[in-house]
Protein backbone atom coordinates (compact mmCIF):
# COMPACT_ATOMS: atom_id res chain seq x y z
CA MET A 1 102.23 103.22 73.36
CA GLY A 2 101.13 100.97 76.42
CA THR A 3 98.00 100.31 77.33
CA ALA A 4 95.72 103.21 78.54
CA LEU A 5 95.27 104.39 81.71
CA GLY A 6 91.29 104.06 81.21
CA GLN A 7 91.69 100.33 80.45
CA THR A 8 93.88 99.56 83.89
CA LEU A 9 92.64 99.09 87.14
CA ILE A 10 94.81 99.47 89.73
CA VAL A 11 94.21 96.97 92.65
CA MET A 12 95.19 97.94 96.16
CA PRO A 13 94.99 95.40 98.69
CA ALA A 14 94.50 96.96 102.15
CA TYR A 15 94.53 95.35 105.62
CA ASN A 16 94.53 98.03 108.24
CA GLU A 17 96.04 100.59 106.12
CA SER A 18 93.75 103.46 107.41
CA GLN A 19 96.55 105.96 108.27
CA SER A 20 98.07 105.74 104.47
CA VAL A 21 95.57 104.33 102.10
CA GLY A 22 93.32 107.59 101.63
CA ARG A 23 96.72 109.52 100.79
CA VAL A 24 97.90 106.76 98.58
CA VAL A 25 94.46 106.63 96.50
CA SER A 26 94.62 110.64 96.15
CA GLU A 27 98.04 110.62 94.93
CA THR A 28 97.68 107.66 92.32
CA ARG A 29 94.40 109.67 91.17
CA ALA A 30 96.03 112.68 90.84
CA ILE A 31 99.01 111.38 88.76
CA LEU A 32 96.46 108.89 86.90
CA PRO A 33 93.17 111.05 86.70
CA ASP A 34 92.18 108.12 84.15
CA ILE A 35 92.30 105.21 85.98
CA THR A 36 90.34 103.31 88.58
CA VAL A 37 91.27 102.20 91.87
CA LEU A 38 89.84 99.38 93.59
CA VAL A 39 90.87 99.06 97.28
CA VAL A 40 90.27 95.71 98.52
CA ASP A 41 89.49 95.98 102.00
CA ASP A 42 90.78 92.75 103.32
CA GLY A 43 88.82 92.16 106.56
CA SER A 44 90.62 95.50 108.35
CA THR A 45 89.24 96.36 111.94
CA ASP A 46 90.03 99.89 111.76
CA GLY A 47 88.76 102.91 109.18
CA THR A 48 90.44 101.42 105.68
CA ALA A 49 87.28 101.67 103.60
CA ASP A 50 85.71 104.85 104.82
CA ALA A 51 89.06 106.41 103.94
CA ALA A 52 89.61 104.81 100.74
CA ARG A 53 86.25 105.90 99.40
CA ALA A 54 86.67 109.27 101.04
CA ALA A 55 89.34 109.58 98.57
CA GLY A 56 87.73 108.29 95.54
CA ALA A 57 88.53 104.44 95.32
CA LEU A 58 85.93 102.00 94.42
CA VAL A 59 85.75 99.55 97.72
CA ALA A 60 85.37 95.36 97.89
CA THR A 61 85.07 94.66 101.48
CA LEU A 62 85.80 91.19 102.62
CA PRO A 63 84.34 89.59 105.70
CA PHE A 64 87.34 88.41 106.87
CA ASN A 65 91.13 88.92 106.28
CA LEU A 66 92.14 86.66 103.34
CA GLY A 67 95.91 87.49 102.81
CA VAL A 68 96.96 89.67 99.73
CA GLY A 69 96.51 86.74 96.84
CA GLY A 70 92.84 86.26 98.22
CA ALA A 71 92.41 89.99 97.78
CA MET A 72 94.32 90.09 94.20
CA ARG A 73 92.18 87.34 92.66
CA VAL A 74 88.99 89.75 93.58
CA GLY A 75 90.69 92.54 91.98
CA PHE A 76 91.62 90.09 89.21
CA ARG A 77 88.06 89.23 88.74
CA TYR A 78 86.50 92.24 89.14
CA ALA A 79 89.01 93.24 86.10
CA ALA A 80 88.01 90.32 83.93
CA GLN A 81 83.99 91.09 84.45
CA HIS A 82 84.35 94.71 83.50
CA GLY A 83 86.56 94.54 80.54
CA TYR A 84 90.06 95.82 81.75
CA ARG A 85 92.85 95.05 80.15
CA ALA A 86 95.60 95.50 82.84
CA VAL A 87 95.44 95.17 86.22
CA VAL A 88 98.56 96.66 88.11
CA GLN A 89 98.67 96.01 91.69
CA ILE A 90 100.24 99.04 94.17
CA ASP A 91 100.53 98.70 97.72
CA ALA A 92 98.49 100.57 100.31
CA ASP A 93 101.29 101.42 102.40
CA GLY A 94 102.89 104.02 99.37
CA GLN A 95 105.91 102.40 99.12
CA HIS A 96 105.01 102.03 95.46
CA ASP A 97 105.47 105.16 93.04
CA PRO A 98 102.54 105.70 91.19
CA ALA A 99 104.48 107.62 88.66
CA THR A 100 106.20 104.40 87.51
CA VAL A 101 103.25 103.18 86.49
CA THR A 102 102.96 104.03 83.18
CA GLY A 103 106.48 102.55 82.51
CA LEU A 104 104.88 98.74 83.39
CA LEU A 105 102.11 99.66 81.30
CA ASP A 106 104.32 100.38 78.39
CA ARG A 107 105.93 97.23 78.62
CA LEU A 108 102.86 95.34 78.49
CA GLU A 109 102.91 95.53 74.65
CA ASP A 110 105.22 92.60 74.38
CA TYR A 111 104.64 90.85 77.90
CA ASP A 112 102.35 89.73 79.77
CA ILE A 113 103.75 90.13 83.31
CA VAL A 114 105.85 93.08 83.98
CA ILE A 115 107.58 93.36 87.40
CA GLY A 116 108.66 96.62 89.22
CA ALA A 117 112.08 95.08 90.25
CA ARG A 118 113.73 96.48 93.51
CA PHE A 119 116.89 95.34 92.76
CA ALA A 120 117.49 96.30 89.21
CA GLY A 121 119.67 99.68 89.32
CA GLU A 122 116.83 101.96 90.64
CA GLY A 123 116.59 103.55 94.30
CA ALA A 124 118.71 102.28 97.62
CA TYR A 125 116.25 99.46 98.52
CA VAL A 126 118.39 96.87 100.60
CA MET A 127 117.58 93.38 101.90
CA SER A 128 119.61 91.88 104.46
CA GLY A 129 120.02 88.11 105.72
CA PRO A 130 117.91 85.39 105.26
CA ARG A 131 115.52 87.33 102.91
CA ARG A 132 118.24 88.23 100.69
CA TRP A 133 119.73 84.65 100.47
CA ALA A 134 115.45 83.33 99.76
CA SER A 135 115.03 86.44 97.18
CA LYS A 136 118.87 85.35 95.33
CA VAL A 137 117.68 81.82 95.34
CA LEU A 138 113.72 82.50 93.82
CA ALA A 139 115.40 84.91 91.17
CA TRP A 140 117.37 81.71 90.09
CA THR A 141 115.04 79.43 89.93
CA ILE A 142 112.18 81.27 88.59
CA SER A 143 114.28 82.83 85.91
CA ARG A 144 115.12 79.59 84.58
CA THR A 145 111.29 79.01 84.57
CA ALA A 146 110.41 82.46 82.74
CA GLY A 147 113.09 81.91 80.33
CA THR A 148 114.73 85.42 81.18
CA LYS A 149 116.96 87.14 84.25
CA LEU A 150 114.56 88.50 87.05
CA THR A 151 116.07 89.79 90.06
CA ASP A 152 113.08 90.63 91.86
CA THR A 153 110.73 87.51 91.94
CA THR A 154 108.71 88.89 95.73
CA SER A 155 107.89 92.29 94.49
CA GLY A 156 104.11 92.86 94.75
CA PHE A 157 104.72 95.97 92.45
CA ARG A 158 103.66 94.74 88.72
CA ALA A 159 101.20 94.67 86.09
CA SER A 160 99.40 91.94 84.36
CA GLY A 161 97.99 92.46 80.73
CA PRO A 162 94.78 90.41 79.11
CA ARG A 163 95.98 86.66 79.28
CA ALA A 164 97.33 87.02 82.85
CA ILE A 165 94.04 88.34 84.10
CA GLU A 166 92.14 85.71 82.10
CA LEU A 167 94.38 83.13 83.78
CA PHE A 168 94.82 85.07 87.32
CA GLU A 169 90.91 85.72 88.04
CA ARG A 170 90.19 81.90 87.82
CA GLU A 171 93.40 80.79 89.74
CA TYR A 172 95.31 83.21 91.17
CA PRO A 173 96.87 81.33 94.14
CA ALA A 174 95.81 82.77 97.77
CA GLU A 175 98.50 80.89 99.54
CA TYR A 176 101.43 82.75 101.86
CA LEU A 177 103.44 84.43 99.22
CA GLY A 178 101.23 83.05 96.23
CA ASP A 179 100.47 86.80 94.97
CA THR A 180 104.37 86.84 94.23
CA ILE A 181 106.27 83.51 93.99
CA GLU A 182 103.53 80.92 93.43
CA SER A 183 101.45 83.33 90.80
CA LEU A 184 104.51 84.26 88.50
CA VAL A 185 105.62 80.05 88.53
CA LEU A 186 102.11 79.36 87.75
CA ALA A 187 102.05 82.28 84.78
CA CYS A 188 105.55 81.53 83.17
CA ARG A 189 104.35 77.62 83.28
CA ALA A 190 101.26 78.37 81.65
CA GLY A 191 103.29 79.99 78.75
CA LEU A 192 103.24 83.53 80.09
CA THR A 193 105.84 85.88 79.32
CA ALA A 194 107.38 88.27 82.09
CA THR A 195 109.73 91.08 82.45
CA GLN A 196 110.59 93.62 84.69
CA VAL A 197 111.87 97.57 84.72
CA PRO A 198 113.59 99.13 87.46
CA THR A 199 111.68 100.85 90.21
CA ALA A 200 112.83 102.73 93.36
CA MET A 201 110.77 101.85 96.65
CA ARG A 202 109.55 104.40 98.93
CA ASP A 203 109.15 104.87 102.92
CA ARG A 204 105.77 103.39 103.93
CA SER A 205 103.05 106.13 104.71
CA GLY A 206 101.67 105.21 107.60
CA GLY A 207 102.01 102.27 110.49
CA ALA A 208 104.96 100.57 110.79
CA PRO A 209 107.49 97.57 108.77
CA SER A 210 107.29 94.19 110.65
CA HIS A 211 110.92 92.96 110.27
CA SER A 212 112.95 91.13 113.04
CA PRO A 213 115.80 88.59 112.82
CA LEU A 214 113.13 85.61 113.56
CA ARG A 215 110.55 86.94 111.04
CA ALA A 216 113.12 86.96 108.64
CA ALA A 217 114.25 83.49 109.38
CA VAL A 218 110.59 82.36 108.96
CA TYR A 219 110.13 84.26 105.61
CA LEU A 220 113.27 82.13 104.68
CA ALA A 221 111.42 78.78 105.27
CA ARG A 222 107.94 80.12 104.26
CA ALA A 223 109.34 81.03 101.04
CA THR A 224 111.04 78.10 100.51
CA LEU A 225 108.06 75.98 101.06
CA ALA A 226 105.96 78.59 98.47
CA LEU A 227 108.63 77.75 96.23
CA LEU A 228 108.17 74.02 96.09
CA PHE A 229 104.12 73.93 96.50
CA ALA A 230 104.24 76.56 93.41
CA TYR A 231 106.33 73.60 91.17
CA ALA A 232 104.28 70.74 92.90
CA ARG A 233 100.75 72.55 91.71
CA PRO A 234 99.71 70.93 88.22
CA LYS A 235 100.48 73.61 84.83
CA ALA A 236 97.17 75.67 84.50
CA VAL A 237 95.38 75.69 81.12
CA ALA A 238 97.26 78.62 79.22
CA PRO A 239 95.26 81.65 78.70
CA ARG A 240 93.64 82.01 74.99
CA THR A 241 95.25 85.20 73.05
CA ILE A 242 93.10 88.07 73.17
CA GLU A 243 92.72 90.73 70.99
CA ALA A 244 92.43 94.09 71.34
CA THR A 245 89.22 95.85 70.91
CA ALA A 246 89.06 99.04 69.01
């Protein structure tokens, strides 16, 4: 049996997601009624915070936009300070299915980080062009560091156990793609274990995706830089082994 829902914190970074965040929070709380949802309003200029509170989430409001990495560090610090034993990152746009959270938590019995992988046999999510090339290179490189095959190292849908929480609340990267690429490299180089479970991506609940050929090419260049920075960074101190409380 995996980590209890009452010991799990859903962290939902949100930047100008007023159209979708309320529905995502409501759905998450309906499917997982014992879980706590923390929306980190990352300097939004719309009604994101109000929509999240109205749906029953806790809300941490940042004074300006820090990016997903900065928002997630806030979430990990909150989790560490309040004794949560698992953190699950869910996007505020509705693309991650809350019904699959328990599958990630079950695997935390044996691993420190569990990734919801889009390219592992579930769903019909397709990535093409420079993004596809970058994803393959990143997956191959980071798999060697992790010591296991990972197919989707840029997935933002992931669960972190106690040792990962301890590491991330003090050293979670806040740079571009730090929340995916660099955080995973950081954890694996510090001795944490990672695995993945197949998950299907859904359409956005609101707003519009920001994909274009130019953005894809920029993504490829920035992903390459993020990977280089991840390996250039000094190894983090390995977190201590945390025993479960009764």
